[in-house]
């Protein structure tokens, strides 16, 4: 078990009745889940926007060498980096959500 030190103000906020009556662990897990879902949504919006912008998947974008075909312009390079980051972020958030879910059943 890990000992956690919290500021007094944080402890008071976690004791807010709106968070329910469960223990500290039971209050923090939904907060983690909400944050992971929020971040995943941001990554998904980026991925969807770039899929629409280029009218293809990221794998097709790479296979068709779009950055090369566009002369390695800053916009296309930036999009490629954002797209790859978004896809990696989605996978990371899915993994973290699964970890929280699994830990809840222990």
PDB file of N, CA and C in Angstrom:
ATOM      1  N   UNK A   1       0.841  -1.181   0.000  1.00  0.00           N
ATOM      2  CA  UNK A   1       0.000   0.000   0.000  1.00  0.00           C
ATOM      3  C   UNK A   1       0.886   1.244   0.000  1.00  0.00           C
ATOM      4  N   UNK A   2       0.484   2.244  -0.724  1.00  0.00           N
ATOM      5  CA  UNK A   2       1.229   3.489  -0.837  1.00  0.00           C
ATOM      6  C   UNK A   2       0.617   4.525   0.094  1.00  0.00           C
ATOM      7  N   UNK A   3       1.483   5.216   0.810  1.00  0.00           N
ATOM      8  CA  UNK A   3       1.012   6.301   1.664  1.00  0.00           C
ATOM      9  C   UNK A   3       1.036   7.584   0.844  1.00  0.00           C
ATOM     10  N   UNK A   4      -0.055   8.315   0.892  1.00  0.00           N
ATOM     11  CA  UNK A   4      -0.192   9.540   0.107  1.00  0.00           C
ATOM     12  C   UNK A   4      -0.368  10.717   1.043  1.00  0.00           C
ATOM     13  N   UNK A   5       0.368  11.762   0.778  1.00  0.00           N
ATOM     14  CA  UNK A   5       0.240  12.992   1.565  1.00  0.00           C
ATOM     15  C   UNK A   5      -0.577  13.982   0.738  1.00  0.00           C
ATOM     16  N   UNK A   6      -1.638  14.480   1.324  1.00  0.00           N
ATOM     17  CA  UNK A   6      -2.492  15.456   0.651  1.00  0.00           C
ATOM     18  C   UNK A   6      -2.537  16.744   1.467  1.00  0.00           C
ATOM     19  N   UNK A   7      -2.663  17.844   0.787  1.00  0.00           N
ATOM     20  CA  UNK A   7      -2.864  19.110   1.486  1.00  0.00           C
ATOM     21  C   UNK A   7      -4.224  19.081   2.168  1.00  0.00           C
ATOM     22  N   UNK A   8      -4.339  19.846   3.204  1.00  0.00           N
ATOM     23  CA  UNK A   8      -5.589  19.886   3.973  1.00  0.00           C
ATOM     24  C   UNK A   8      -6.764  20.309   3.083  1.00  0.00           C
ATOM     25  N   UNK A   9      -6.540  21.297   2.237  1.00  0.00           N
ATOM     26  CA  UNK A   9      -7.606  21.771   1.341  1.00  0.00           C
ATOM     27  C   UNK A   9      -8.049  20.663   0.388  1.00  0.00           C
ATOM     28  N   UNK A  10      -7.095  19.870  -0.108  1.00  0.00           N
ATOM     29  CA  UNK A  10      -7.428  18.759  -1.002  1.00  0.00           C
ATOM     30  C   UNK A  10      -8.249  17.706  -0.265  1.00  0.00           C
ATOM     31  N   UNK A  11      -7.878  17.424   0.971  1.00  0.00           N
ATOM     32  CA  UNK A  11      -8.638  16.467   1.783  1.00  0.00           C
ATOM     33  C   UNK A  11     -10.078  16.934   1.964  1.00  0.00           C
ATOM     34  N   UNK A  12     -10.234  18.229   2.231  1.00  0.00           N
ATOM     35  CA  UNK A  12     -11.580  18.783   2.401  1.00  0.00           C
ATOM     36  C   UNK A  12     -12.387  18.659   1.112  1.00  0.00           C
ATOM     37  N   UNK A  13     -11.757  18.936  -0.009  1.00  0.00           N
ATOM     38  CA  UNK A  13     -12.454  18.818  -1.294  1.00  0.00           C
ATOM     39  C   UNK A  13     -12.873  17.375  -1.566  1.00  0.00           C
ATOM     40  N   UNK A  14     -12.016  16.430  -1.225  1.00  0.00           N
ATOM     41  CA  UNK A  14     -12.339  15.018  -1.433  1.00  0.00           C
ATOM     42  C   UNK A  14     -13.425  14.526  -0.482  1.00  0.00           C
ATOM     43  N   UNK A  15     -13.652  15.247   0.599  1.00  0.00           N
ATOM     44  CA  UNK A  15     -14.725  14.887   1.529  1.00  0.00           C
ATOM     45  C   UNK A  15     -16.064  15.497   1.130  1.00  0.00           C
ATOM     46  N   UNK A  16     -16.100  16.212   0.033  1.00  0.00           N
ATOM     47  CA  UNK A  16     -17.337  16.820  -0.461  1.00  0.00           C
ATOM     48  C   UNK A  16     -18.376  15.727  -0.696  1.00  0.00           C
ATOM     49  N   UNK A  17     -19.577  15.888  -0.178  1.00  0.00           N
ATOM     50  CA  UNK A  17     -20.633  14.872  -0.347  1.00  0.00           C
ATOM     51  C   UNK A  17     -20.967  14.582  -1.819  1.00  0.00           C
ATOM     52  N   UNK A  18     -20.696  15.524  -2.702  1.00  0.00           N
ATOM     53  CA  UNK A  18     -20.971  15.290  -4.118  1.00  0.00           C
ATOM     54  C   UNK A  18     -20.132  14.149  -4.686  1.00  0.00           C
ATOM     55  N   UNK A  19     -18.992  13.850  -4.062  1.00  0.00           N
ATOM     56  CA  UNK A  19     -18.136  12.761  -4.526  1.00  0.00           C
ATOM     57  C   UNK A  19     -18.540  11.412  -3.947  1.00  0.00           C
ATOM     58  N   UNK A  20     -19.569  11.401  -3.127  1.00  0.00           N
ATOM     59  CA  UNK A  20     -20.046  10.147  -2.560  1.00  0.00           C
ATOM     60  C   UNK A  20     -19.410   9.852  -1.216  1.00  0.00           C
ATOM     61  N   UNK A  21     -19.740   8.692  -0.682  1.00  0.00           N
ATOM     62  CA  UNK A  21     -19.281   8.350   0.664  1.00  0.00           C
ATOM     63  C   UNK A  21     -18.215   7.257   0.673  1.00  0.00           C
ATOM     64  N   UNK A  22     -17.766   6.811  -0.488  1.00  0.00           N
ATOM     65  CA  UNK A  22     -16.751   5.766  -0.520  1.00  0.00           C
ATOM     66  C   UNK A  22     -15.405   6.282  -0.007  1.00  0.00           C
ATOM     67  N   UNK A  23     -14.458   5.369   0.133  1.00  0.00           N
ATOM     68  CA  UNK A  23     -13.132   5.747   0.623  1.00  0.00           C
ATOM     69  C   UNK A  23     -12.391   6.579  -0.435  1.00  0.00           C
ATOM     70  N   UNK A  24     -11.213   7.060  -0.045  1.00  0.00           N
ATOM     71  CA  UNK A  24     -10.425   7.923  -0.922  1.00  0.00           C
ATOM     72  C   UNK A  24     -10.142   7.252  -2.262  1.00  0.00           C
ATOM     73  N   UNK A  25      -9.776   5.976  -2.239  1.00  0.00           N
ATOM     74  CA  UNK A  25      -9.505   5.238  -3.465  1.00  0.00           C
ATOM     75  C   UNK A  25     -10.742   5.221  -4.366  1.00  0.00           C
ATOM     76  N   UNK A  26     -11.888   4.996  -3.785  1.00  0.00           N
ATOM     77  CA  UNK A  26     -13.131   4.961  -4.548  1.00  0.00           C
ATOM     78  C   UNK A  26     -13.513   6.312  -5.140  1.00  0.00           C
ATOM     79  N   UNK A  27     -13.025   7.379  -4.547  1.00  0.00           N
ATOM     80  CA  UNK A  27     -13.304   8.719  -5.069  1.00  0.00           C
ATOM     81  C   UNK A  27     -12.319   9.102  -6.175  1.00  0.00           C
ATOM     82  N   UNK A  28     -11.090   8.634  -6.056  1.00  0.00           N
ATOM     83  CA  UNK A  28     -10.060   9.030  -7.015  1.00  0.00           C
ATOM     84  C   UNK A  28     -10.190   8.277  -8.338  1.00  0.00           C
ATOM     85  N   UNK A  29     -10.583   7.030  -8.307  1.00  0.00           N
ATOM     86  CA  UNK A  29     -10.690   6.247  -9.547  1.00  0.00           C
ATOM     87  C   UNK A  29     -11.634   6.888 -10.577  1.00  0.00           C
ATOM     88  N   UNK A  30     -12.815   7.343 -10.182  1.00  0.00           N
ATOM     89  CA  UNK A  30     -13.668   8.006 -11.177  1.00  0.00           C
ATOM     90  C   UNK A  30     -13.043   9.299 -11.712  1.00  0.00           C
ATOM     91  N   UNK A  31     -12.286   9.999 -10.873  1.00  0.00           N
ATOM     92  CA  UNK A  31     -11.612  11.210 -11.342  1.00  0.00           C
ATOM     93  C   UNK A  31     -10.547  10.868 -12.371  1.00  0.00           C
ATOM     94  N   UNK A  32      -9.794   9.792 -12.127  1.00  0.00           N
ATOM     95  CA  UNK A  32      -8.805   9.332 -13.103  1.00  0.00           C
ATOM     96  C   UNK A  32      -9.487   8.922 -14.403  1.00  0.00           C
ATOM     97  N   UNK A  33     -10.559   8.171 -14.286  1.00  0.00           N
ATOM     98  CA  UNK A  33     -11.296   7.718 -15.466  1.00  0.00           C
ATOM     99  C   UNK A  33     -11.789   8.909 -16.276  1.00  0.00           C
ATOM    100  N   UNK A  34     -12.351   9.901 -15.602  1.00  0.00           N
ATOM    101  CA  UNK A  34     -12.860  11.091 -16.301  1.00  0.00           C
ATOM    102  C   UNK A  34     -11.734  11.829 -17.020  1.00  0.00           C
ATOM    103  N   UNK A  35     -10.586  11.937 -16.377  1.00  0.00           N
ATOM    104  CA  UNK A  35      -9.449  12.627 -17.008  1.00  0.00           C
ATOM    105  C   UNK A  35      -8.927  11.851 -18.211  1.00  0.00           C
ATOM    106  N   UNK A  36      -8.823  10.542 -18.093  1.00  0.00           N
ATOM    107  CA  UNK A  36      -8.369   9.731 -19.226  1.00  0.00           C
ATOM    108  C   UNK A  36      -9.355   9.824 -20.387  1.00  0.00           C
ATOM    109  N   UNK A  37     -10.643   9.821 -20.082  1.00  0.00           N
ATOM    110  CA  UNK A  37     -11.656   9.962 -21.141  1.00  0.00           C
ATOM    111  C   UNK A  37     -11.589  11.337 -21.801  1.00  0.00           C
ATOM    112  N   UNK A  38     -11.332  12.362 -21.008  1.00  0.00           N
ATOM    113  CA  UNK A  38     -11.222  13.716 -21.556  1.00  0.00           C
ATOM    114  C   UNK A  38     -10.037  13.802 -22.519  1.00  0.00           C
ATOM    115  N   UNK A  39      -8.907  13.265 -22.076  1.00  0.00           N
ATOM    116  CA  UNK A  39      -7.729  13.300 -22.937  1.00  0.00           C
ATOM    117  C   UNK A  39      -7.927  12.452 -24.190  1.00  0.00           C
ATOM    118  N   UNK A  40      -8.568  11.292 -24.040  1.00  0.00           N
ATOM    119  CA  UNK A  40      -8.819  10.447 -25.198  1.00  0.00           C
ATOM    120  C   UNK A  40      -9.725  11.157 -26.200  1.00  0.00           C
ATOM    121  N   UNK A  41     -10.714  11.871 -25.705  1.00  0.00           N
ATOM    122  CA  UNK A  41     -11.596  12.632 -26.585  1.00  0.00           C
ATOM    123  C   UNK A  41     -10.828  13.666 -27.395  1.00  0.00           C
ATOM    124  N   UNK A  42      -9.883  14.329 -26.752  1.00  0.00           N
ATOM    125  CA  UNK A  42      -9.057  15.321 -27.454  1.00  0.00           C
ATOM    126  C   UNK A  42      -8.239  14.647 -28.549  1.00  0.00           C
ATOM    127  N   UNK A  43      -7.634  13.511 -28.218  1.00  0.00           N
ATOM    128  CA  UNK A  43      -6.858  12.774 -29.223  1.00  0.00           C
ATOM    129  C   UNK A  43      -7.750  12.286 -30.367  1.00  0.00           C
ATOM    130  N   UNK A  44      -8.940  11.815 -30.034  1.00  0.00           N
ATOM    131  CA  UNK A  44      -9.860  11.322 -31.063  1.00  0.00           C
ATOM    132  C   UNK A  44     -10.319  12.448 -31.982  1.00  0.00           C
ATOM    133  N   UNK A  45     -10.559  13.630 -31.427  1.00  0.00           N
ATOM    134  CA  UNK A  45     -10.955  14.766 -32.272  1.00  0.00           C
ATOM    135  C   UNK A  45      -9.838  15.139 -33.239  1.00  0.00           C
ATOM    136  N   UNK A  46      -8.600  15.104 -32.771  1.00  0.00           N
ATOM    137  CA  UNK A  46      -7.461  15.391 -33.647  1.00  0.00           C
ATOM    138  C   UNK A  46      -7.380  14.352 -34.748  1.00  0.00           C
ATOM    139  N   UNK A  47      -7.492  13.091 -34.374  1.00  0.00           N
ATOM    140  CA  UNK A  47      -7.414  12.000 -35.356  1.00  0.00           C
ATOM    141  C   UNK A  47      -8.526  12.123 -36.396  1.00  0.00           C
ATOM    142  N   UNK A  48      -9.740  12.415 -35.967  1.00  0.00           N
ATOM    143  CA  UNK A  48     -10.862  12.558 -36.893  1.00  0.00           C
ATOM    144  C   UNK A  48     -10.675  13.750 -37.823  1.00  0.00           C
ATOM    145  N   UNK A  49     -10.206  14.856 -37.272  1.00  0.00           N
ATOM    146  CA  UNK A  49     -10.000  16.058 -38.087  1.00  0.00           C
ATOM    147  C   UNK A  49      -8.958  15.809 -39.183  1.00  0.00           C
ATOM    148  N   UNK A  50      -7.878  15.127 -38.827  1.00  0.00           N
ATOM    149  CA  UNK A  50      -6.829  14.873 -39.818  1.00  0.00           C
ATOM    150  C   UNK A  50      -7.257  13.809 -40.826  1.00  0.00           C
ATOM    151  N   UNK A  51      -8.038  12.843 -40.384  1.00  0.00           N
ATOM    152  CA  UNK A  51      -8.584  11.851 -41.313  1.00  0.00           C
ATOM    153  C   UNK A  51      -9.472  12.546 -42.348  1.00  0.00           C
ATOM    154  N   UNK A  52     -10.279  13.491 -41.898  1.00  0.00           N
ATOM    155  CA  UNK A  52     -11.131  14.247 -42.826  1.00  0.00           C
ATOM    156  C   UNK A  52     -10.311  15.176 -43.710  1.00  0.00           C
ATOM    157  N   UNK A  53      -9.333  15.843 -43.148  1.00  0.00           N
ATOM    158  CA  UNK A  53      -8.518  16.795 -43.907  1.00  0.00           C
ATOM    159  C   UNK A  53      -7.822  16.113 -45.077  1.00  0.00           C
ATOM    160  N   UNK A  54      -7.265  14.930 -44.835  1.00  0.00           N
ATOM    161  CA  UNK A  54      -6.514  14.230 -45.880  1.00  0.00           C
ATOM    162  C   UNK A  54      -7.345  13.150 -46.576  1.00  0.00           C
ATOM    163  N   UNK A  55      -8.564  12.940 -46.084  1.00  0.00           N
ATOM    164  CA  UNK A  55      -9.483  11.956 -46.653  1.00  0.00           C
ATOM    165  C   UNK A  55      -8.836  10.571 -46.735  1.00  0.00           C
ATOM    166  N   UNK A  56      -8.142  10.193 -45.654  1.00  0.00           N
ATOM    167  CA  UNK A  56      -7.494   8.879 -45.588  1.00  0.00           C
ATOM    168  C   UNK A  56      -7.095   8.581 -44.152  1.00  0.00           C
ATOM    169  N   UNK A  57      -6.750   7.342 -43.913  1.00  0.00           N
ATOM    170  CA  UNK A  57      -6.253   6.948 -42.599  1.00  0.00           C
ATOM    171  C   UNK A  57      -4.785   7.339 -42.480  1.00  0.00           C
ATOM    172  N   UNK A  58      -4.270   7.282 -41.260  1.00  0.00           N
ATOM    173  CA  UNK A  58      -2.860   7.600 -41.049  1.00  0.00           C
ATOM    174  C   UNK A  58      -1.962   6.582 -41.758  1.00  0.00           C
ATOM    175  N   UNK A  59      -2.373   5.312 -41.747  1.00  0.00           N
ATOM    176  CA  UNK A  59      -1.593   4.290 -42.445  1.00  0.00           C
ATOM    177  C   UNK A  59      -1.517   4.601 -43.941  1.00  0.00           C
ATOM    178  N   UNK A  60      -2.636   5.033 -44.528  1.00  0.00           N
ATOM    179  CA  UNK A  60      -2.629   5.422 -45.948  1.00  0.00           C
ATOM    180  C   UNK A  60      -1.767   6.663 -46.165  1.00  0.00           C
ATOM    181  N   UNK A  61      -1.848   7.595 -45.237  1.00  0.00           N
ATOM    182  CA  UNK A  61      -1.042   8.814 -45.285  1.00  0.00           C
ATOM    183  C   UNK A  61       0.445   8.454 -45.368  1.00  0.00           C
ATOM    184  N   UNK A  62       0.858   7.503 -44.538  1.00  0.00           N
ATOM    185  CA  UNK A  62       2.255   7.066 -44.553  1.00  0.00           C
ATOM    186  C   UNK A  62       2.582   6.294 -45.831  1.00  0.00           C
ATOM    187  N   UNK A  63       1.704   5.377 -46.200  1.00  0.00           N
ATOM    188  CA  UNK A  63       1.951   4.537 -47.385  1.00  0.00           C
ATOM    189  C   UNK A  63       2.047   5.365 -48.660  1.00  0.00           C
ATOM    190  N   UNK A  64       1.248   6.418 -48.731  1.00  0.00           N
ATOM    191  CA  UNK A  64       1.255   7.264 -49.925  1.00  0.00           C
ATOM    192  C   UNK A  64       2.321   8.363 -49.862  1.00  0.00           C
ATOM    193  N   UNK A  65       3.089   8.365 -48.780  1.00  0.00           N
ATOM    194  CA  UNK A  65       4.190   9.309 -48.605  1.00  0.00           C
ATOM    195  C   UNK A  65       3.731  10.755 -48.851  1.00  0.00           C
ATOM    196  N   UNK A  66       2.663  11.111 -48.154  1.00  0.00           N
ATOM    197  CA  UNK A  66       2.057  12.425 -48.338  1.00  0.00           C
ATOM    198  C   UNK A  66       3.020  13.555 -47.972  1.00  0.00           C
ATOM    199  N   UNK A  67       3.792  13.384 -46.916  1.00  0.00           N
ATOM    200  CA  UNK A  67       4.731  14.464 -46.549  1.00  0.00           C
ATOM    201  C   UNK A  67       5.745  14.702 -47.665  1.00  0.00           C
ATOM    202  N   UNK A  68       6.215  13.631 -48.257  1.00  0.00           N
ATOM    203  CA  UNK A  68       7.163  13.764 -49.379  1.00  0.00           C
ATOM    204  C   UNK A  68       6.485  14.397 -50.585  1.00  0.00           C
ATOM    205  N   UNK A  69       5.282  13.944 -50.887  1.00  0.00           N
ATOM    206  CA  UNK A  69       4.543  14.473 -52.048  1.00  0.00           C
ATOM    207  C   UNK A  69       4.218  15.953 -51.889  1.00  0.00           C
ATOM    208  N   UNK A  70       4.124  16.422 -50.651  1.00  0.00           N
ATOM    209  CA  UNK A  70       3.828  17.839 -50.394  1.00  0.00           C
ATOM    210  C   UNK A  70       5.099  18.644 -50.134  1.00  0.00           C
ATOM    211  N   UNK A  71       6.232  18.055 -50.453  1.00  0.00           N
ATOM    212  CA  UNK A  71       7.486  18.784 -50.335  1.00  0.00           C
ATOM    213  C   UNK A  71       7.930  19.038 -48.905  1.00  0.00           C
ATOM    214  N   UNK A  72       7.506  18.161 -47.996  1.00  0.00           N
ATOM    215  CA  UNK A  72       7.898  18.278 -46.586  1.00  0.00           C
ATOM    216  C   UNK A  72       7.576  19.665 -46.005  1.00  0.00           C
ATOM    217  N   UNK A  73       6.436  20.194 -46.391  1.00  0.00           N
ATOM    218  CA  UNK A  73       6.040  21.504 -45.866  1.00  0.00           C
ATOM    219  C   UNK A  73       5.779  21.404 -44.369  1.00  0.00           C
ATOM    220  N   UNK A  74       5.909  22.544 -43.690  1.00  0.00           N
ATOM    221  CA  UNK A  74       5.708  22.586 -42.247  1.00  0.00           C
ATOM    222  C   UNK A  74       4.314  22.100 -41.872  1.00  0.00           C
ATOM    223  N   UNK A  75       3.295  22.525 -42.596  1.00  0.00           N
ATOM    224  CA  UNK A  75       1.919  22.145 -42.267  1.00  0.00           C
ATOM    225  C   UNK A  75       1.733  20.629 -42.312  1.00  0.00           C
ATOM    226  N   UNK A  76       2.223  19.999 -43.358  1.00  0.00           N
ATOM    227  CA  UNK A  76       2.029  18.557 -43.512  1.00  0.00           C
ATOM    228  C   UNK A  76       2.878  17.788 -42.489  1.00  0.00           C
ATOM    229  N   UNK A  77       4.086  18.256 -42.256  1.00  0.00           N
ATOM    230  CA  UNK A  77       4.936  17.612 -41.239  1.00  0.00           C
ATOM    231  C   UNK A  77       4.296  17.725 -39.859  1.00  0.00           C
ATOM    232  N   UNK A  78       3.781  18.913 -39.540  1.00  0.00           N
ATOM    233  CA  UNK A  78       3.121  19.155 -38.246  1.00  0.00           C
ATOM    234  C   UNK A  78       1.891  18.264 -38.113  1.00  0.00           C
ATOM    235  N   UNK A  79       1.119  18.162 -39.172  1.00  0.00           N
ATOM    236  CA  UNK A  79      -0.060  17.291 -39.147  1.00  0.00           C
ATOM    237  C   UNK A  79       0.333  15.836 -38.906  1.00  0.00           C
ATOM    238  N   UNK A  80       1.399  15.390 -39.560  1.00  0.00           N
ATOM    239  CA  UNK A  80       1.847  14.004 -39.390  1.00  0.00           C
ATOM    240  C   UNK A  80       2.236  13.743 -37.938  1.00  0.00           C
ATOM    241  N   UNK A  81       2.942  14.685 -37.339  1.00  0.00           N
ATOM    242  CA  UNK A  81       3.357  14.527 -35.935  1.00  0.00           C
ATOM    243  C   UNK A  81       2.140  14.525 -35.020  1.00  0.00           C
ATOM    244  N   UNK A  82       1.211  15.457 -35.239  1.00  0.00           N
ATOM    245  CA  UNK A  82       0.002  15.516 -34.412  1.00  0.00           C
ATOM    246  C   UNK A  82      -0.830  14.251 -34.555  1.00  0.00           C
ATOM    247  N   UNK A  83      -0.917  13.754 -35.782  1.00  0.00           N
ATOM    248  CA  UNK A  83      -1.710  12.560 -36.059  1.00  0.00           C
ATOM    249  C   UNK A  83      -1.111  11.353 -35.332  1.00  0.00           C
ATOM    250  N   UNK A  84       0.196  11.189 -35.471  1.00  0.00           N
ATOM    251  CA  UNK A  84       0.868  10.073 -34.815  1.00  0.00           C
ATOM    252  C   UNK A  84       0.751  10.190 -33.290  1.00  0.00           C
ATOM    253  N   UNK A  85       0.891  11.399 -32.773  1.00  0.00           N
ATOM    254  CA  UNK A  85       0.754  11.633 -31.334  1.00  0.00           C
ATOM    255  C   UNK A  85      -0.660  11.296 -30.872  1.00  0.00           C
ATOM    256  N   UNK A  86      -1.649  11.685 -31.650  1.00  0.00           N
ATOM    257  CA  UNK A  86      -3.046  11.408 -31.301  1.00  0.00           C
ATOM    258  C   UNK A  86      -3.314   9.903 -31.263  1.00  0.00           C
ATOM    259  N   UNK A  87      -2.833   9.190 -32.265  1.00  0.00           N
ATOM    260  CA  UNK A  87      -3.055   7.744 -32.291  1.00  0.00           C
ATOM    261  C   UNK A  87      -2.355   7.053 -31.123  1.00  0.00           C
ATOM    262  N   UNK A  88      -1.142   7.477 -30.813  1.00  0.00           N
ATOM    263  CA  UNK A  88      -0.446   6.933 -29.658  1.00  0.00           C
ATOM    264  C   UNK A  88      -1.149   7.287 -28.364  1.00  0.00           C
ATOM    265  N   UNK A  89      -1.661   8.509 -28.289  1.00  0.00           N
ATOM    266  CA  UNK A  89      -2.392   8.952 -27.110  1.00  0.00           C
ATOM    267  C   UNK A  89      -3.662   8.155 -26.882  1.00  0.00           C
ATOM    268  N   UNK A  90      -4.376   7.850 -27.961  1.00  0.00           N
ATOM    269  CA  UNK A  90      -5.596   7.037 -27.850  1.00  0.00           C
ATOM    270  C   UNK A  90      -5.248   5.678 -27.270  1.00  0.00           C
ATOM    271  N   UNK A  91      -4.195   5.053 -27.785  1.00  0.00           N
ATOM    272  CA  UNK A  91      -3.785   3.740 -27.280  1.00  0.00           C
ATOM    273  C   UNK A  91      -3.375   3.816 -25.807  1.00  0.00           C
ATOM    274  N   UNK A  92      -2.658   4.857 -25.446  1.00  0.00           N
ATOM    275  CA  UNK A  92      -2.235   5.020 -24.055  1.00  0.00           C
ATOM    276  C   UNK A  92      -3.432   5.205 -23.134  1.00  0.00           C
ATOM    277  N   UNK A  93      -4.387   6.041 -23.549  1.00  0.00           N
ATOM    278  CA  UNK A  93      -5.569   6.276 -22.710  1.00  0.00           C
ATOM    279  C   UNK A  93      -6.405   5.007 -22.580  1.00  0.00           C
ATOM    280  N   UNK A  94      -6.521   4.236 -23.654  1.00  0.00           N
ATOM    281  CA  UNK A  94      -7.249   2.969 -23.569  1.00  0.00           C
ATOM    282  C   UNK A  94      -6.564   2.027 -22.584  1.00  0.00           C
ATOM    283  N   UNK A  95      -5.244   1.981 -22.625  1.00  0.00           N
ATOM    284  CA  UNK A  95      -4.495   1.128 -21.700  1.00  0.00           C
ATOM    285  C   UNK A  95      -4.707   1.588 -20.256  1.00  0.00           C
ATOM    286  N   UNK A  96      -4.644   2.903 -20.037  1.00  0.00           N
ATOM    287  CA  UNK A  96      -4.807   3.434 -18.683  1.00  0.00           C
ATOM    288  C   UNK A  96      -6.229   3.204 -18.170  1.00  0.00           C
ATOM    289  N   UNK A  97      -7.220   3.364 -19.030  1.00  0.00           N
ATOM    290  CA  UNK A  97      -8.600   3.100 -18.629  1.00  0.00           C
ATOM    291  C   UNK A  97      -8.767   1.629 -18.238  1.00  0.00           C
ATOM    292  N   UNK A  98      -8.139   0.761 -19.002  1.00  0.00           N
ATOM    293  CA  UNK A  98      -8.202  -0.663 -18.690  1.00  0.00           C
ATOM    294  C   UNK A  98      -7.518  -0.949 -17.356  1.00  0.00           C
ATOM    295  N   UNK A  99      -6.399  -0.291 -17.090  1.00  0.00           N
ATOM    296  CA  UNK A  99      -5.697  -0.471 -15.815  1.00  0.00           C
ATOM    297  C   UNK A  99      -6.574  -0.035 -14.643  1.00  0.00           C
ATOM    298  N   UNK A 100      -7.260   1.094 -14.784  1.00  0.00           N
ATOM    299  CA  UNK A 100      -8.152   1.567 -13.708  1.00  0.00           C
ATOM    300  C   UNK A 100      -9.291   0.569 -13.517  1.00  0.00           C
ATOM    301  N   UNK A 101      -9.841   0.090 -14.621  1.00  0.00           N
ATOM    302  CA  UNK A 101     -10.945  -0.879 -14.557  1.00  0.00           C
ATOM    303  C   UNK A 101     -10.490  -2.168 -13.863  1.00  0.00           C
ATOM    304  N   UNK A 102      -9.323  -2.679 -14.250  1.00  0.00           N
ATOM    305  CA  UNK A 102      -8.806  -3.905 -13.645  1.00  0.00           C
ATOM    306  C   UNK A 102      -8.509  -3.709 -12.163  1.00  0.00           C
ATOM    307  N   UNK A 103      -7.944  -2.566 -11.804  1.00  0.00           N
ATOM    308  CA  UNK A 103      -7.620  -2.290 -10.408  1.00  0.00           C
ATOM    309  C   UNK A 103      -8.887  -2.182  -9.566  1.00  0.00           C
ATOM    310  N   UNK A 104      -9.977  -1.778 -10.175  1.00  0.00           N
ATOM    311  CA  UNK A 104     -11.235  -1.653  -9.443  1.00  0.00           C
ATOM    312  C   UNK A 104     -11.794  -3.002  -9.024  1.00  0.00           C
ATOM    313  N   UNK A 105     -11.401  -4.060  -9.740  1.00  0.00           N
ATOM    314  CA  UNK A 105     -11.918  -5.399  -9.442  1.00  0.00           C
ATOM    315  C   UNK A 105     -11.028  -6.170  -8.498  1.00  0.00           C
ATOM    316  N   UNK A 106      -9.881  -5.603  -8.123  1.00  0.00           N
ATOM    317  CA  UNK A 106      -8.953  -6.317  -7.225  1.00  0.00           C
ATOM    318  C   UNK A 106      -9.436  -6.268  -5.798  1.00  0.00           C
TER     319      UNK A 106
END
